[in-house]
């Protein structure tokens, strides 16, 4: 089925002659000479007087969703789904005090991992806010270096990540 662009002229059996003024994924908005604005289905029956195919500015749901995800990642603390390494799935982290009279604490590794990834994601948001702030350039550099050192302190936990691309990276070569 050919999708007409804005500006296309049609002759509709019920509404008469009109011009397409808007298009979405299901319908046309058509301004008819005698009946004014009407909304008709894309697959409605009508004669095409003059088509303007190149005027359609459609955006797919995938494009919109991708853009929204990028915006949320950039400007909020919404976390992406980060898989834990398979060998740690279902495991426990035991915190055992040196004093044998004290009780140890067990934490599900998945719960601990979620906390680590939340710290990582919030550090990323902080990094973006520093970069887009009105701070002096030298202050931005100092804060960036501080954030990089924090990432470096967290590299111990990289063993938990399934994917190397999602691990912490600190300062290199120093």
Protein backbone atom coordinates (compact mmCIF):
# COMPACT_ATOMS: atom_id res chain seq x y z
CA UNK A 1 0.00 0.00 0.00
CA UNK A 2 1.33 3.42 -0.97
CA UNK A 3 1.34 5.97 1.87
CA UNK A 4 0.61 9.46 0.69
CA UNK A 5 2.55 12.43 1.98
CA UNK A 6 1.31 15.72 3.35
CA UNK A 7 0.10 17.85 0.46
CA UNK A 8 -1.28 14.95 -1.56
CA UNK A 9 -4.60 15.64 -3.26
CA UNK A 10 -7.37 13.03 -3.25
CA UNK A 11 -10.98 12.58 -4.33
CA UNK A 12 -13.00 10.66 -1.72
CA UNK A 13 -16.35 9.10 -2.77
CA UNK A 14 -18.14 10.47 0.32
CA UNK A 15 -16.26 13.68 1.21
CA UNK A 16 -15.18 14.92 -2.23
CA UNK A 17 -11.85 16.55 -3.08
CA UNK A 18 -9.31 17.28 -0.36
CA UNK A 19 -5.68 17.68 0.65
CA UNK A 20 -3.79 15.45 3.11
CA UNK A 21 -2.64 17.66 6.00
CA UNK A 22 -1.26 15.03 8.38
CA UNK A 23 -0.38 11.32 8.35
CA UNK A 24 0.23 8.79 11.10
CA UNK A 25 0.61 5.02 11.15
CA UNK A 26 -3.14 4.36 10.78
CA UNK A 27 -4.87 7.35 9.22
CA UNK A 28 -4.83 10.52 7.15
CA UNK A 29 -6.05 13.93 8.24
CA UNK A 30 -7.62 15.37 5.10
CA UNK A 31 -9.07 18.85 4.65
CA UNK A 32 -11.90 18.53 2.16
CA UNK A 33 -13.18 21.49 0.11
CA UNK A 34 -16.80 21.00 1.12
CA UNK A 35 -16.66 19.00 4.36
CA UNK A 36 -13.65 20.45 6.18
CA UNK A 37 -11.28 18.27 8.19
CA UNK A 38 -11.97 14.53 8.20
CA UNK A 39 -9.86 11.63 9.45
CA UNK A 40 -9.84 8.61 7.16
CA UNK A 41 -8.08 5.25 7.37
CA UNK A 42 -4.96 4.69 5.30
CA UNK A 43 -6.70 1.85 3.50
CA UNK A 44 -9.94 3.79 2.86
CA UNK A 45 -11.16 3.90 -0.75
CA UNK A 46 -10.35 7.10 -2.65
CA UNK A 47 -8.87 8.33 -5.91
CA UNK A 48 -5.38 9.83 -5.83
CA UNK A 49 -5.35 13.05 -7.85
CA UNK A 50 -1.75 13.98 -7.04
CA UNK A 51 0.57 12.10 -4.69
CA UNK A 52 3.32 13.68 -2.60
CA UNK A 53 5.19 10.60 -1.43
CA UNK A 54 8.35 12.38 -0.32
CA UNK A 55 6.58 14.57 2.21
CA UNK A 56 5.86 11.79 4.71
CA UNK A 57 7.86 12.31 7.88
CA UNK A 58 7.18 9.07 9.69
CA UNK A 59 9.13 7.86 12.68
CA UNK A 60 8.97 4.23 13.70
CA UNK A 61 8.10 3.10 17.22
CA UNK A 62 11.61 1.60 17.41
CA UNK A 63 13.17 5.02 16.68
CA UNK A 64 11.05 6.69 19.34
CA UNK A 65 11.77 3.97 21.89
CA UNK A 66 15.53 4.08 21.16
CA UNK A 67 15.59 7.85 21.55
CA UNK A 68 13.66 7.70 24.81
CA UNK A 69 16.00 5.04 26.24
CA UNK A 70 19.04 7.16 25.32
CA UNK A 71 17.51 10.24 26.94
CA UNK A 72 16.63 8.33 30.11
CA UNK A 73 20.12 6.85 30.34
CA UNK A 74 21.69 10.25 29.85
CA UNK A 75 19.55 12.38 32.16
CA UNK A 76 18.23 10.09 34.89
CA UNK A 77 19.35 7.36 37.20
CA UNK A 78 17.31 4.71 35.39
CA UNK A 79 19.40 1.57 35.39
CA UNK A 80 20.01 -0.67 32.45
CA UNK A 81 19.69 -4.41 32.95
CA UNK A 82 23.17 -5.70 33.69
CA UNK A 83 23.56 -9.48 33.85
CA UNK A 84 25.58 -11.05 36.64
CA UNK A 85 28.16 -13.70 35.76
CA UNK A 86 26.58 -17.16 35.49
CA UNK A 87 28.81 -18.72 38.15
CA UNK A 88 27.51 -16.21 40.74
CA UNK A 89 23.80 -16.72 40.00
CA UNK A 90 22.04 -18.04 43.12
CA UNK A 91 25.18 -17.57 45.25
CA UNK A 92 25.62 -15.99 48.65
CA UNK A 93 28.06 -13.41 49.92
CA UNK A 94 29.11 -14.15 53.49
CA UNK A 95 30.47 -11.39 55.72
CA UNK A 96 32.29 -13.09 58.56
CA UNK A 97 33.58 -11.03 61.50
CA UNK A 98 37.03 -11.77 62.91
CA UNK A 99 35.45 -12.34 66.33
CA UNK A 100 34.08 -15.91 66.20
CA UNK A 101 31.48 -15.02 68.87
CA UNK A 102 29.74 -12.64 66.48
CA UNK A 103 27.21 -13.79 63.93
CA UNK A 104 28.11 -13.67 60.22
CA UNK A 105 25.85 -12.02 57.65
CA UNK A 106 24.77 -13.60 54.36
CA UNK A 107 23.57 -11.57 51.39
CA UNK A 108 22.34 -12.89 48.06
CA UNK A 109 25.01 -12.08 45.49
CA UNK A 110 22.34 -10.86 43.06
CA UNK A 111 21.15 -8.28 45.64
CA UNK A 112 24.71 -7.13 46.29
CA UNK A 113 25.36 -6.96 42.53
CA UNK A 114 22.25 -4.78 42.01
CA UNK A 115 23.61 -2.33 44.59
CA UNK A 116 26.99 -2.24 42.85
CA UNK A 117 25.40 -1.56 39.45
CA UNK A 118 23.23 1.17 41.00
CA UNK A 119 26.38 2.85 42.33
CA UNK A 120 27.93 2.58 38.86
CA UNK A 121 24.87 4.05 37.15
CA UNK A 122 24.66 6.94 39.61
CA UNK A 123 28.33 7.67 39.11
CA UNK A 124 27.67 7.87 35.36
CA UNK A 125 24.83 10.33 35.94
CA UNK A 126 27.08 12.39 38.22
CA UNK A 127 29.78 12.35 35.55
CA UNK A 128 27.31 13.62 32.93
CA UNK A 129 26.06 16.35 35.26
CA UNK A 130 29.61 17.48 35.95
CA UNK A 131 30.36 17.58 32.21
CA UNK A 132 27.27 19.64 31.43
CA UNK A 133 27.58 21.96 34.45
CA UNK A 134 28.65 25.59 34.50
CA UNK A 135 31.76 24.79 36.55
CA UNK A 136 35.12 26.14 35.49
CA UNK A 137 37.03 23.76 33.19
CA UNK A 138 39.68 23.05 35.86
CA UNK A 139 36.99 22.14 38.41
CA UNK A 140 35.37 19.78 35.89
CA UNK A 141 38.73 18.09 35.27
CA UNK A 142 39.35 17.65 39.01
CA UNK A 143 35.89 16.16 39.57
CA UNK A 144 36.31 13.90 36.51
CA UNK A 145 39.60 12.60 37.92
CA UNK A 146 37.96 11.99 41.29
CA UNK A 147 35.12 10.03 39.65
CA UNK A 148 37.69 8.01 37.66
CA UNK A 149 39.45 7.10 40.92
CA UNK A 150 36.11 5.99 42.39
CA UNK A 151 35.60 3.72 39.36
CA UNK A 152 39.11 2.37 39.97
CA UNK A 153 38.23 1.58 43.60
CA UNK A 154 35.25 -0.43 42.39
CA UNK A 155 37.16 -2.59 39.88
CA UNK A 156 37.38 -5.30 42.56
CA UNK A 157 33.74 -6.08 41.81
CA UNK A 158 34.32 -6.59 38.06
CA UNK A 159 34.50 -10.33 38.70
CA UNK A 160 30.71 -10.29 39.18
CA UNK A 161 29.88 -8.85 35.74
CA UNK A 162 28.96 -11.21 32.93
CA UNK A 163 30.02 -8.75 30.22
CA UNK A 164 33.44 -7.09 30.23
CA UNK A 165 31.98 -3.97 28.53
CA UNK A 166 29.86 -3.25 31.63
CA UNK A 167 32.70 -3.46 34.15
CA UNK A 168 34.27 -0.59 36.07
CA UNK A 169 37.28 1.07 34.47
CA UNK A 170 39.63 3.22 36.50
CA UNK A 171 42.65 5.25 35.50
CA UNK A 172 44.89 3.42 33.04
CA UNK A 173 48.66 3.42 32.92
CA UNK A 174 49.28 4.89 36.39
